[in-house]
Every structure is written in C-alpha cells, then in structure tokens.
Amino acid sequence: MIIFVLSKKLGMTKSYKVAEHIFNLSLPDDFPYWDALDAYSPFEVPLCGAPLFSLGISDGTPDTAGLEKVFDAPTEDGQTVIRLFRSATGWVFEMSPDARIKTVAIMVTDKDFSEGKLYVRSRKPRAQLFGINNSLMLLYAFRAAGLGTLEMHASVIMNEGRAFLFLAKSGTGKSTHSQLWLKNVPGSELLNDDNPVVRVWDDGSVKVYGSPWSGKTPCYRNLVADAGAFVQIRRCPENKITRLSVFESYVLLYSSSSGLKTDSDMVDGLHATMEKIALNCPCYVLDCRPDDEAALVCSKAVL
C-alpha cells in the first residue's frame, strides 16, 4: 500500500522543455531552494497544462514494504544508488547519493511515469535537491523512451555544427577527452558533460540536445546540434580509432542509454530508436591515452 501525505499545498509550478519535451515541477509555497535549481533556468518555458510528465514533492513516508524489487544494480562507494520496485498502481524508486548512505529520497509514480510524487527524508538542501534532480532525470528518461528519445551517459563536444558524444563508464575518461578537444581542436565547445539527450525525428534526423543534468560539470546549455558521431573511449597505451559495425554500434548505444530495460513496452521504444541511430550515425571505438594526440586522432576521423 502506498500512502500519500500532503501537509503543504503545492503552490508553485514551473514548466521546462528539453529536446522539445515539456515537463512540470510543482513545489510548496515555502520551498526555499528554487534558486538552487538554476540548472533548469535555461530550459524554462511558459507553464504547460499538458506536460509529458509532472513531479511534485510531499511530506510523509510512503509504505514500500512487500513491493516487488525489479532493479538494484551493484554500486561502489561514491556512486548514486537507485532501487526500483513495482507496486499495484505503478512504481517506487529509492535513491541515495552514495552507497554508504541510507535512502534519502523516495519517488512514487503511476504506471506510465507521467505523474511522480517525491518524498525526501531530510530537510537539508543537498538531500532535497538530490531528490528533485534525480527524480526529474529518471522520469524524463523513462517517459520519453518510447518517443524516439534517449537520455545518454556521455560527454558532448560541439564542433562545426555537429555534436560528438564520448561514451564510457564513469571514471574512464569521457570528460578528460572532451577537455582535450577543447584544448586541441579549434571550434570546439562543451554541450553537456554527463547526460545529454539524443532524439530521432520522423524525417530520420538525429539531434543532440543539452540538458539540466550534467554531472559534476556545470554545463546546462539549451542548445541542439546534429549528431556527428558516437565514440566509445577505452584506455590504451596507443591512440587508434576504429569504426564500429551496425551491430557493434547498437551494443554501444544500448549500454550507454538510460531506461527500464526490463519493461517490454519501454524496451521496444528504446530498440527502435537505437536501431535508427546505429543505421544513420557513425560510431567508433577510440583506444587512447589521455593526451593531446588522442584528441587529434579522434577529430581527424570524425570531423
């Protein structure tokens, strides 16, 4: 059973648009941290009454006892923890900013992720903002998955009107490689450093969008560029780049995108989007050192 306890009226609602998808955030009249949500300011639009999804924040604690756990990935100290449960009426997320910290936020959603209610177990600003940011990011990824949209784990450089996405596991060198482009490849600028959005349109075009979610690097740019290439970064004693086959490209995209991959409807949407990207955009693997030459080798191949 899920129990909602609303002790404060949700008095302020704002709308945001990312990759042409609009979502709403509603917070209490006396919520003190709107200014700390400045990452969303570039994406704010006039209030929308029919958004892709909505999120509100509440007091109280939902009852999660006895729910079916469907996702609980292994994490290390310092990594964000997200657990997902299925309820009779939808889904429940438990979240923590660190594997060493107990759950600080719980989000309850309906079955199609169109409505979310967030409960934060702390009055501290960091906990409140963590819960809001992660809930919005999760709702966006899950709700937009069937709409030709991928929220990806990547660092993105724009150059010559195109976006180049560097994909790798955390700590492997995505951000480092972006910095090497900024240093060595004229005309380069950072679009996003952690969670860009890729959208495939009906005409087959693949666009890359900035988002309010950029990891530890404050880069929240409401810009869009044509997808130039997707590049997997792997540490290696030498610098070399190899173009991937369509199948290898698909595997790379699958491992780097967000979504509930145990849900059949969502997976169908993700598969269709990844297939279109793999067929229309070049994908590479860059075996490299974290040095200037790596950026030059990569840019020569993809620009």
C-alpha atoms as a PDB file:
ATOM      1  CA  MET A   1       0.000   0.000   0.000  1.00  0.00           C
ATOM      2  CA  ILE A   2       1.273   3.495  -0.854  1.00  0.00           C
ATOM      3  CA  ILE A   3       0.250   6.312   1.489  1.00  0.00           C
ATOM      4  CA  PHE A   4       0.462   9.929   0.287  1.00  0.00           C
ATOM      5  CA  VAL A   5       0.673  12.591   2.986  1.00  0.00           C
ATOM      6  CA  LEU A   6       0.386  16.180   1.752  1.00  0.00           C
ATOM      7  CA  SER A   7       0.985  18.611   4.585  1.00  0.00           C
ATOM      8  CA  LYS A   8       1.663  21.600   2.322  1.00  0.00           C
ATOM      9  CA  LYS A   9      -0.167  22.894  -0.695  1.00  0.00           C
ATOM     10  CA  LEU A  10       1.839  22.694  -3.906  1.00  0.00           C
ATOM     11  CA  GLY A  11       1.767  26.396  -4.572  1.00  0.00           C
ATOM     12  CA  MET A  12       4.246  26.935  -7.414  1.00  0.00           C
ATOM     13  CA  THR A  13       4.583  25.085 -10.706  1.00  0.00           C
ATOM     14  CA  LYS A  14       7.167  25.659 -13.423  1.00  0.00           C
ATOM     15  CA  SER A  15       7.465  24.114 -16.891  1.00  0.00           C
ATOM     16  CA  TYR A  16      10.672  23.122 -18.652  1.00  0.00           C
ATOM     17  CA  LYS A  17      11.413  21.938 -22.176  1.00  0.00           C
ATOM     18  CA  VAL A  18      14.262  19.558 -23.028  1.00  0.00           C
ATOM     19  CA  ALA A  19      14.594  18.152 -26.568  1.00  0.00           C
ATOM     20  CA  GLU A  20      11.097  19.560 -27.250  1.00  0.00           C
ATOM     21  CA  HIS A  21       9.565  17.508 -24.393  1.00  0.00           C
ATOM     22  CA  ILE A  22       7.864  19.643 -21.723  1.00  0.00           C
ATOM     23  CA  PHE A  23       7.617  18.630 -18.054  1.00  0.00           C
ATOM     24  CA  ASN A  24       6.291  20.307 -14.902  1.00  0.00           C
ATOM     25  CA  LEU A  25       7.753  20.658 -11.419  1.00  0.00           C
ATOM     26  CA  SER A  26       5.433  21.639  -8.538  1.00  0.00           C
ATOM     27  CA  LEU A  27       6.796  22.641  -5.127  1.00  0.00           C
ATOM     28  CA  PRO A  28       5.279  24.074  -1.920  1.00  0.00           C
ATOM     29  CA  ASP A  29       4.795  27.814  -1.494  1.00  0.00           C
ATOM     30  CA  ASP A  30       7.544  27.953   1.098  1.00  0.00           C
ATOM     31  CA  PHE A  31      10.064  25.741  -0.719  1.00  0.00           C
ATOM     32  CA  PRO A  32      13.351  27.632  -0.097  1.00  0.00           C
ATOM     33  CA  TYR A  33      15.597  26.223  -2.823  1.00  0.00           C
ATOM     34  CA  TRP A  34      14.155  27.360  -6.157  1.00  0.00           C
ATOM     35  CA  ASP A  35      17.263  29.480  -6.738  1.00  0.00           C
ATOM     36  CA  ALA A  36      19.449  26.401  -6.297  1.00  0.00           C
ATOM     37  CA  LEU A  37      17.654  24.789  -9.255  1.00  0.00           C
ATOM     38  CA  ASP A  38      19.364  27.244 -11.611  1.00  0.00           C
ATOM     39  CA  ALA A  39      20.417  24.385 -13.918  1.00  0.00           C
ATOM     40  CA  TYR A  40      16.808  24.313 -15.122  1.00  0.00           C
ATOM     41  CA  SER A  41      16.526  28.044 -15.803  1.00  0.00           C
ATOM     42  CA  PRO A  42      17.783  27.888 -19.429  1.00  0.00           C
ATOM     43  CA  PHE A  43      15.046  25.347 -20.147  1.00  0.00           C
ATOM     44  CA  GLU A  44      12.105  27.147 -18.507  1.00  0.00           C
ATOM     45  CA  VAL A  45       9.080  27.840 -20.713  1.00  0.00           C
ATOM     46  CA  PRO A  46       5.596  29.242 -20.060  1.00  0.00           C
ATOM     47  CA  LEU A  47       3.522  26.992 -17.832  1.00  0.00           C
ATOM     48  CA  CYS A  48       2.203  23.938 -19.675  1.00  0.00           C
ATOM     49  CA  GLY A  49      -1.027  22.296 -18.585  1.00  0.00           C
ATOM     50  CA  ALA A  50      -0.475  19.091 -20.569  1.00  0.00           C
ATOM     51  CA  PRO A  51       3.163  18.105 -19.962  1.00  0.00           C
ATOM     52  CA  LEU A  52       4.925  14.851 -20.777  1.00  0.00           C
ATOM     53  CA  PHE A  53       5.173  14.275 -17.014  1.00  0.00           C
ATOM     54  CA  SER A  54       4.807  16.114 -13.706  1.00  0.00           C
ATOM     55  CA  LEU A  55       6.666  15.882 -10.400  1.00  0.00           C
ATOM     56  CA  GLY A  56       5.532  17.149  -7.012  1.00  0.00           C
ATOM     57  CA  ILE A  57       7.190  16.991  -3.574  1.00  0.00           C
ATOM     58  CA  SER A  58       5.407  15.841  -0.405  1.00  0.00           C
ATOM     59  CA  ASP A  59       5.927  15.305   3.289  1.00  0.00           C
ATOM     60  CA  GLY A  60       5.488  11.910   4.908  1.00  0.00           C
ATOM     61  CA  THR A  61       6.868   8.498   4.022  1.00  0.00           C
ATOM     62  CA  PRO A  62       5.300   6.017   1.598  1.00  0.00           C
ATOM     63  CA  ASP A  63       4.935   2.420   2.679  1.00  0.00           C
ATOM     64  CA  THR A  64       7.229   0.287   0.496  1.00  0.00           C
ATOM     65  CA  ALA A  65       7.023  -2.958   2.452  1.00  0.00           C
ATOM     66  CA  GLY A  66       6.400  -6.082   0.385  1.00  0.00           C
ATOM     67  CA  LEU A  67       6.890  -4.487  -3.027  1.00  0.00           C
ATOM     68  CA  GLU A  68       8.487  -6.401  -5.901  1.00  0.00           C
ATOM     69  CA  LYS A  69      12.081  -5.276  -6.481  1.00  0.00           C
ATOM     70  CA  VAL A  70      12.863  -5.058 -10.209  1.00  0.00           C
ATOM     71  CA  PHE A  71      16.162  -3.150 -10.259  1.00  0.00           C
ATOM     72  CA  ASP A  72      19.032  -2.841  -7.797  1.00  0.00           C
ATOM     73  CA  ALA A  73      22.358  -2.523  -9.610  1.00  0.00           C
ATOM     74  CA  PRO A  74      25.605  -3.069  -7.675  1.00  0.00           C
ATOM     75  CA  THR A  75      27.250   0.219  -6.714  1.00  0.00           C
ATOM     76  CA  GLU A  76      30.521   1.331  -5.172  1.00  0.00           C
ATOM     77  CA  ASP A  77      31.204   3.974  -2.554  1.00  0.00           C
ATOM     78  CA  GLY A  78      30.578   7.413  -4.004  1.00  0.00           C
ATOM     79  CA  GLN A  79      28.117   6.210  -6.658  1.00  0.00           C
ATOM     80  CA  THR A  80      24.423   7.093  -6.756  1.00  0.00           C
ATOM     81  CA  VAL A  81      22.122   4.300  -5.605  1.00  0.00           C
ATOM     82  CA  ILE A  82      18.759   3.752  -7.322  1.00  0.00           C
ATOM     83  CA  ARG A  83      16.430   0.868  -6.498  1.00  0.00           C
ATOM     84  CA  LEU A  84      13.189   0.305  -8.370  1.00  0.00           C
ATOM     85  CA  PHE A  85      10.100  -1.517  -7.080  1.00  0.00           C
ATOM     86  CA  ARG A  86       6.805  -2.399  -8.736  1.00  0.00           C
ATOM     87  CA  SER A  87       3.602  -1.587  -6.856  1.00  0.00           C
ATOM     88  CA  ALA A  88      -0.028  -2.372  -7.594  1.00  0.00           C
ATOM     89  CA  THR A  89      -0.541   1.112  -9.022  1.00  0.00           C
ATOM     90  CA  GLY A  90       2.852   1.922 -10.536  1.00  0.00           C
ATOM     91  CA  TRP A  91       6.484   2.190  -9.456  1.00  0.00           C
ATOM     92  CA  VAL A  92       8.563   3.190  -6.443  1.00  0.00           C
ATOM     93  CA  PHE A  93      12.158   4.471  -6.583  1.00  0.00           C
ATOM     94  CA  GLU A  94      14.527   4.560  -3.604  1.00  0.00           C
ATOM     95  CA  MET A  95      17.511   6.893  -4.051  1.00  0.00           C
ATOM     96  CA  SER A  96      20.719   7.754  -2.242  1.00  0.00           C
ATOM     97  CA  PRO A  97      23.675   9.913  -3.348  1.00  0.00           C
ATOM     98  CA  ASP A  98      26.196   7.380  -2.069  1.00  0.00           C
ATOM     99  CA  ALA A  99      26.258   3.626  -1.445  1.00  0.00           C
ATOM    100  CA  ARG A 100      27.408   4.378   2.110  1.00  0.00           C
ATOM    101  CA  ILE A 101      24.301   6.469   2.855  1.00  0.00           C
ATOM    102  CA  LYS A 102      20.812   5.172   3.589  1.00  0.00           C
ATOM    103  CA  THR A 103      17.915   6.061   1.284  1.00  0.00           C
ATOM    104  CA  VAL A 104      17.293   9.816   1.393  1.00  0.00           C
ATOM    105  CA  ALA A 105      14.520  10.126  -1.212  1.00  0.00           C
ATOM    106  CA  ILE A 106      11.618   8.006  -2.444  1.00  0.00           C
ATOM    107  CA  MET A 107       9.614   8.698  -5.584  1.00  0.00           C
ATOM    108  CA  VAL A 108       6.254   7.085  -6.291  1.00  0.00           C
ATOM    109  CA  THR A 109       4.921   7.123  -9.860  1.00  0.00           C
ATOM    110  CA  ASP A 110       1.974   5.843 -11.823  1.00  0.00           C
ATOM    111  CA  LYS A 111       2.365   3.001 -14.333  1.00  0.00           C
ATOM    112  CA  ASP A 112       3.393   5.131 -17.321  1.00  0.00           C
ATOM    113  CA  PHE A 113       5.683   7.505 -15.372  1.00  0.00           C
ATOM    114  CA  SER A 114       3.514  10.517 -16.198  1.00  0.00           C
ATOM    115  CA  GLU A 115       2.985  11.527 -12.549  1.00  0.00           C
ATOM    116  CA  GLY A 116       5.601  11.398  -9.807  1.00  0.00           C
ATOM    117  CA  LYS A 117       5.428  12.237  -6.113  1.00  0.00           C
ATOM    118  CA  LEU A 118       8.693  12.745  -4.244  1.00  0.00           C
ATOM    119  CA  TYR A 119       9.310  12.166  -0.534  1.00  0.00           C
ATOM    120  CA  VAL A 120      12.613  13.357   0.956  1.00  0.00           C
ATOM    121  CA  ARG A 121      13.729  12.070   4.338  1.00  0.00           C
ATOM    122  CA  SER A 122      15.758  15.163   5.174  1.00  0.00           C
ATOM    123  CA  ARG A 123      15.271  18.920   5.365  1.00  0.00           C
ATOM    124  CA  LYS A 124      18.866  19.515   4.270  1.00  0.00           C
ATOM    125  CA  PRO A 125      19.157  21.409   0.976  1.00  0.00           C
ATOM    126  CA  ARG A 126      21.535  18.852  -0.545  1.00  0.00           C
ATOM    127  CA  ALA A 127      19.092  15.993   0.072  1.00  0.00           C
ATOM    128  CA  GLN A 128      16.126  17.965  -1.253  1.00  0.00           C
ATOM    129  CA  LEU A 129      17.951  18.973  -4.440  1.00  0.00           C
ATOM    130  CA  PHE A 130      19.366  15.478  -4.945  1.00  0.00           C
ATOM    131  CA  GLY A 131      15.872  14.002  -4.795  1.00  0.00           C
ATOM    132  CA  ILE A 132      14.415  16.542  -7.211  1.00  0.00           C
ATOM    133  CA  ASN A 133      17.227  16.293  -9.753  1.00  0.00           C
ATOM    134  CA  ASN A 134      17.329  12.510  -9.821  1.00  0.00           C
ATOM    135  CA  SER A 135      13.550  12.165  -9.914  1.00  0.00           C
ATOM    136  CA  LEU A 136      13.226  14.537 -12.872  1.00  0.00           C
ATOM    137  CA  MET A 137      16.057  12.800 -14.702  1.00  0.00           C
ATOM    138  CA  LEU A 138      14.510   9.353 -14.149  1.00  0.00           C
ATOM    139  CA  LEU A 139      11.013  10.440 -15.134  1.00  0.00           C
ATOM    140  CA  TYR A 140      12.360  12.080 -18.272  1.00  0.00           C
ATOM    141  CA  ALA A 141      14.364   9.013 -19.341  1.00  0.00           C
ATOM    142  CA  PHE A 142      11.540   6.566 -18.689  1.00  0.00           C
ATOM    143  CA  ARG A 143       8.656   8.655 -20.000  1.00  0.00           C
ATOM    144  CA  ALA A 144      10.418   9.772 -23.212  1.00  0.00           C
ATOM    145  CA  ALA A 145      11.888   6.350 -24.051  1.00  0.00           C
ATOM    146  CA  GLY A 146       9.007   5.480 -26.376  1.00  0.00           C
ATOM    147  CA  LEU A 147       9.171   8.834 -28.159  1.00  0.00           C
ATOM    148  CA  GLY A 148      12.405   8.443 -30.127  1.00  0.00           C
ATOM    149  CA  THR A 149      14.380   9.909 -27.234  1.00  0.00           C
ATOM    150  CA  LEU A 150      17.450   8.604 -25.403  1.00  0.00           C
ATOM    151  CA  GLU A 151      18.926  10.087 -22.261  1.00  0.00           C
ATOM    152  CA  MET A 152      22.565   9.066 -22.551  1.00  0.00           C
ATOM    153  CA  HIS A 153      25.580   8.817 -20.266  1.00  0.00           C
ATOM    154  CA  ALA A 154      28.099  10.814 -22.292  1.00  0.00           C
ATOM    155  CA  SER A 155      30.201  13.931 -22.586  1.00  0.00           C
ATOM    156  CA  VAL A 156      29.431  16.001 -25.690  1.00  0.00           C
ATOM    157  CA  ILE A 157      31.525  18.377 -27.756  1.00  0.00           C
ATOM    158  CA  MET A 158      30.045  20.598 -30.472  1.00  0.00           C
ATOM    159  CA  ASN A 159      32.168  21.458 -33.487  1.00  0.00           C
ATOM    160  CA  GLU A 160      31.255  22.667 -36.985  1.00  0.00           C
ATOM    161  CA  GLY A 161      27.555  22.493 -36.117  1.00  0.00           C
ATOM    162  CA  ARG A 162      27.676  18.841 -35.102  1.00  0.00           C
ATOM    163  CA  ALA A 163      27.724  17.047 -31.758  1.00  0.00           C
ATOM    164  CA  PHE A 164      30.244  14.345 -30.879  1.00  0.00           C
ATOM    165  CA  LEU A 165      29.359  12.102 -27.957  1.00  0.00           C
ATOM    166  CA  PHE A 166      32.078  10.397 -25.931  1.00  0.00           C
ATOM    167  CA  LEU A 167      30.809   7.296 -24.149  1.00  0.00           C
ATOM    168  CA  ALA A 168      32.471   5.285 -21.381  1.00  0.00           C
ATOM    169  CA  LYS A 169      31.990   4.020 -17.868  1.00  0.00           C
ATOM    170  CA  SER A 170      32.298   6.590 -15.099  1.00  0.00           C
ATOM    171  CA  GLY A 171      35.911   7.474 -14.437  1.00  0.00           C
ATOM    172  CA  THR A 172      37.197   6.104 -17.748  1.00  0.00           C
ATOM    173  CA  GLY A 173      37.888   9.410 -19.442  1.00  0.00           C
ATOM    174  CA  LYS A 174      34.830  10.935 -21.141  1.00  0.00           C
ATOM    175  CA  SER A 175      35.268  14.346 -19.567  1.00  0.00           C
ATOM    176  CA  THR A 176      39.034  14.213 -19.985  1.00  0.00           C
ATOM    177  CA  HIS A 177      38.654  13.575 -23.704  1.00  0.00           C
ATOM    178  CA  SER A 178      36.223  16.484 -24.039  1.00  0.00           C
ATOM    179  CA  GLN A 179      38.761  18.743 -22.338  1.00  0.00           C
ATOM    180  CA  LEU A 180      41.427  17.544 -24.786  1.00  0.00           C
ATOM    181  CA  TRP A 181      39.163  18.586 -27.676  1.00  0.00           C
ATOM    182  CA  LEU A 182      38.623  21.998 -26.100  1.00  0.00           C
ATOM    183  CA  LYS A 183      42.380  22.402 -25.835  1.00  0.00           C
ATOM    184  CA  ASN A 184      43.464  20.977 -29.202  1.00  0.00           C
ATOM    185  CA  VAL A 185      40.603  21.099 -31.713  1.00  0.00           C
ATOM    186  CA  PRO A 186      39.688  24.651 -32.812  1.00  0.00           C
ATOM    187  CA  GLY A 187      35.987  25.492 -32.779  1.00  0.00           C
ATOM    188  CA  SER A 188      35.143  23.002 -30.029  1.00  0.00           C
ATOM    189  CA  GLU A 189      32.717  23.832 -27.211  1.00  0.00           C
ATOM    190  CA  LEU A 190      31.162  21.725 -24.481  1.00  0.00           C
ATOM    191  CA  LEU A 191      27.436  20.983 -24.814  1.00  0.00           C
ATOM    192  CA  ASN A 192      26.952  18.663 -21.824  1.00  0.00           C
ATOM    193  CA  ASP A 193      29.295  16.604 -19.658  1.00  0.00           C
ATOM    194  CA  ASP A 194      27.161  13.753 -18.362  1.00  0.00           C
ATOM    195  CA  ASN A 195      23.537  13.363 -19.534  1.00  0.00           C
ATOM    196  CA  PRO A 196      22.769  14.785 -22.973  1.00  0.00           C
ATOM    197  CA  VAL A 197      19.560  13.851 -24.783  1.00  0.00           C
ATOM    198  CA  VAL A 198      19.507  12.299 -28.256  1.00  0.00           C
ATOM    199  CA  ARG A 199      16.296  12.420 -30.261  1.00  0.00           C
ATOM    200  CA  VAL A 200      15.429  10.790 -33.587  1.00  0.00           C
ATOM    201  CA  TRP A 201      12.823  12.712 -35.569  1.00  0.00           C
ATOM    202  CA  ASP A 202      10.283  11.407 -38.070  1.00  0.00           C
ATOM    203  CA  ASP A 203      12.404  12.571 -41.015  1.00  0.00           C
ATOM    204  CA  GLY A 204      15.274  10.375 -39.770  1.00  0.00           C
ATOM    205  CA  SER A 205      17.417  13.240 -38.480  1.00  0.00           C
ATOM    206  CA  VAL A 206      19.287  12.619 -35.225  1.00  0.00           C
ATOM    207  CA  LYS A 207      19.668  15.626 -32.931  1.00  0.00           C
ATOM    208  CA  VAL A 208      21.673  16.034 -29.722  1.00  0.00           C
ATOM    209  CA  TYR A 209      20.371  18.371 -27.002  1.00  0.00           C
ATOM    210  CA  GLY A 210      21.800  19.878 -23.879  1.00  0.00           C
ATOM    211  CA  SER A 211      20.001  19.127 -20.612  1.00  0.00           C
ATOM    212  CA  PRO A 212      19.769  20.306 -16.988  1.00  0.00           C
ATOM    213  CA  TRP A 213      21.739  17.204 -15.963  1.00  0.00           C
ATOM    214  CA  SER A 214      25.495  17.483 -16.460  1.00  0.00           C
ATOM    215  CA  GLY A 215      27.108  15.589 -13.596  1.00  0.00           C
ATOM    216  CA  LYS A 216      29.845  17.411 -11.696  1.00  0.00           C
ATOM    217  CA  THR A 217      30.445  19.897 -14.523  1.00  0.00           C
ATOM    218  CA  PRO A 218      28.033  22.864 -14.503  1.00  0.00           C
ATOM    219  CA  CYS A 219      27.186  22.922 -18.218  1.00  0.00           C
ATOM    220  CA  TYR A 220      23.434  23.454 -18.687  1.00  0.00           C
ATOM    221  CA  ARG A 221      23.063  24.690 -22.254  1.00  0.00           C
ATOM    222  CA  ASN A 222      19.737  24.816 -24.058  1.00  0.00           C
ATOM    223  CA  LEU A 223      21.302  24.111 -27.442  1.00  0.00           C
ATOM    224  CA  VAL A 224      20.872  21.499 -30.172  1.00  0.00           C
ATOM    225  CA  ALA A 225      23.178  20.119 -32.871  1.00  0.00           C
ATOM    226  CA  ASP A 226      23.092  17.378 -35.475  1.00  0.00           C
ATOM    227  CA  ALA A 227      24.637  14.128 -34.241  1.00  0.00           C
ATOM    228  CA  GLY A 228      28.117  13.827 -35.731  1.00  0.00           C
ATOM    229  CA  ALA A 229      29.407  10.611 -34.173  1.00  0.00           C
ATOM    230  CA  PHE A 230      29.302   8.415 -31.085  1.00  0.00           C
ATOM    231  CA  VAL A 231      32.754   7.446 -29.774  1.00  0.00           C
ATOM    232  CA  GLN A 232      33.486   4.876 -27.094  1.00  0.00           C
ATOM    233  CA  ILE A 233      36.543   5.817 -25.023  1.00  0.00           C
ATOM    234  CA  ARG A 234      38.823   2.993 -23.882  1.00  0.00           C
ATOM    235  CA  ARG A 235      42.145   3.412 -22.100  1.00  0.00           C
ATOM    236  CA  CYS A 236      45.036   2.010 -24.129  1.00  0.00           C
ATOM    237  CA  PRO A 237      48.839   2.544 -24.410  1.00  0.00           C
ATOM    238  CA  GLU A 238      48.415   3.721 -28.014  1.00  0.00           C
ATOM    239  CA  ASN A 239      45.991   6.045 -29.788  1.00  0.00           C
ATOM    240  CA  LYS A 240      43.892   4.477 -32.528  1.00  0.00           C
ATOM    241  CA  ILE A 241      40.294   4.762 -33.681  1.00  0.00           C
ATOM    242  CA  THR A 242      38.145   2.093 -35.322  1.00  0.00           C
ATOM    243  CA  ARG A 243      34.695   2.426 -36.855  1.00  0.00           C
ATOM    244  CA  LEU A 244      32.122   0.008 -35.447  1.00  0.00           C
ATOM    245  CA  SER A 245      29.698  -2.172 -37.377  1.00  0.00           C
ATOM    246  CA  VAL A 246      25.959  -1.529 -37.101  1.00  0.00           C
ATOM    247  CA  PHE A 247      25.603  -4.343 -34.572  1.00  0.00           C
ATOM    248  CA  GLU A 248      28.566  -3.089 -32.508  1.00  0.00           C
ATOM    249  CA  SER A 249      27.103   0.409 -32.669  1.00  0.00           C
ATOM    250  CA  TYR A 250      23.791  -0.856 -31.332  1.00  0.00           C
ATOM    251  CA  VAL A 251      25.511  -2.581 -28.409  1.00  0.00           C
ATOM    252  CA  LEU A 252      27.378   0.628 -27.579  1.00  0.00           C
ATOM    253  CA  LEU A 253      24.197   2.728 -27.639  1.00  0.00           C
ATOM    254  CA  TYR A 254      22.299   0.186 -25.536  1.00  0.00           C
ATOM    255  CA  SER A 255      24.942   0.159 -22.809  1.00  0.00           C
ATOM    256  CA  SER A 256      25.094   3.967 -22.668  1.00  0.00           C
ATOM    257  CA  SER A 257      21.386   4.851 -22.571  1.00  0.00           C
ATOM    258  CA  SER A 258      19.000   5.166 -19.646  1.00  0.00           C
ATOM    259  CA  GLY A 259      15.699   3.320 -19.386  1.00  0.00           C
ATOM    260  CA  LEU A 260      13.875   0.435 -17.756  1.00  0.00           C
ATOM    261  CA  LYS A 261      15.188  -2.404 -19.879  1.00  0.00           C
ATOM    262  CA  THR A 262      13.019  -4.997 -18.167  1.00  0.00           C
ATOM    263  CA  ASP A 263       9.798  -3.302 -19.285  1.00  0.00           C
ATOM    264  CA  SER A 264       8.712  -4.664 -22.682  1.00  0.00           C
ATOM    265  CA  ASP A 265       6.936  -1.520 -23.880  1.00  0.00           C
ATOM    266  CA  MET A 266       9.831   0.730 -22.952  1.00  0.00           C
ATOM    267  CA  VAL A 267      12.408  -1.636 -24.425  1.00  0.00           C
ATOM    268  CA  ASP A 268      10.539  -1.709 -27.757  1.00  0.00           C
ATOM    269  CA  GLY A 269      10.812   2.070 -27.941  1.00  0.00           C
ATOM    270  CA  LEU A 270      14.476   2.057 -26.966  1.00  0.00           C
ATOM    271  CA  HIS A 271      15.299  -0.642 -29.534  1.00  0.00           C
ATOM    272  CA  ALA A 272      13.586   1.251 -32.352  1.00  0.00           C
ATOM    273  CA  THR A 273      15.435   4.472 -31.516  1.00  0.00           C
ATOM    274  CA  MET A 274      18.841   2.792 -31.172  1.00  0.00           C
ATOM    275  CA  GLU A 275      18.387   0.951 -34.444  1.00  0.00           C
ATOM    276  CA  LYS A 276      17.731   4.210 -36.306  1.00  0.00           C
ATOM    277  CA  ILE A 277      20.773   5.851 -34.743  1.00  0.00           C
ATOM    278  CA  ALA A 278      23.039   2.877 -35.474  1.00  0.00           C
ATOM    279  CA  LEU A 279      21.948   2.880 -39.110  1.00  0.00           C
ATOM    280  CA  ASN A 280      22.310   6.626 -39.625  1.00  0.00           C
ATOM    281  CA  CYS A 281      25.176   7.799 -37.404  1.00  0.00           C
ATOM    282  CA  PRO A 282      28.800   6.608 -37.383  1.00  0.00           C
ATOM    283  CA  CYS A 283      30.015   5.005 -34.171  1.00  0.00           C
ATOM    284  CA  TYR A 284      33.644   4.389 -33.234  1.00  0.00           C
ATOM    285  CA  VAL A 285      35.837   2.989 -30.502  1.00  0.00           C
ATOM    286  CA  LEU A 286      38.817   5.148 -29.554  1.00  0.00           C
ATOM    287  CA  ASP A 287      41.601   3.254 -27.814  1.00  0.00           C
ATOM    288  CA  CYS A 288      43.692   6.025 -26.357  1.00  0.00           C
ATOM    289  CA  ARG A 289      45.947   7.608 -23.834  1.00  0.00           C
ATOM    290  CA  PRO A 290      44.672  10.732 -22.047  1.00  0.00           C
ATOM    291  CA  ASP A 291      46.894  13.016 -24.108  1.00  0.00           C
ATOM    292  CA  ASP A 292      46.707  15.688 -26.822  1.00  0.00           C
ATOM    293  CA  GLU A 293      47.337  13.218 -29.618  1.00  0.00           C
ATOM    294  CA  ALA A 294      44.194  11.271 -28.704  1.00  0.00           C
ATOM    295  CA  ALA A 295      42.007  14.288 -29.469  1.00  0.00           C
ATOM    296  CA  LEU A 296      43.790  14.848 -32.768  1.00  0.00           C
ATOM    297  CA  VAL A 297      43.437  11.206 -33.802  1.00  0.00           C
ATOM    298  CA  CYS A 298      39.737  11.238 -32.911  1.00  0.00           C
ATOM    299  CA  SER A 299      38.903  14.574 -34.520  1.00  0.00           C
ATOM    300  CA  LYS A 300      40.693  13.659 -37.749  1.00  0.00           C
ATOM    301  CA  ALA A 301      38.490  10.578 -38.077  1.00  0.00           C
ATOM    302  CA  VAL A 302      35.115  12.046 -37.147  1.00  0.00           C
ATOM    303  CA  LEU A 303      35.121  15.662 -38.322  1.00  0.00           C
END
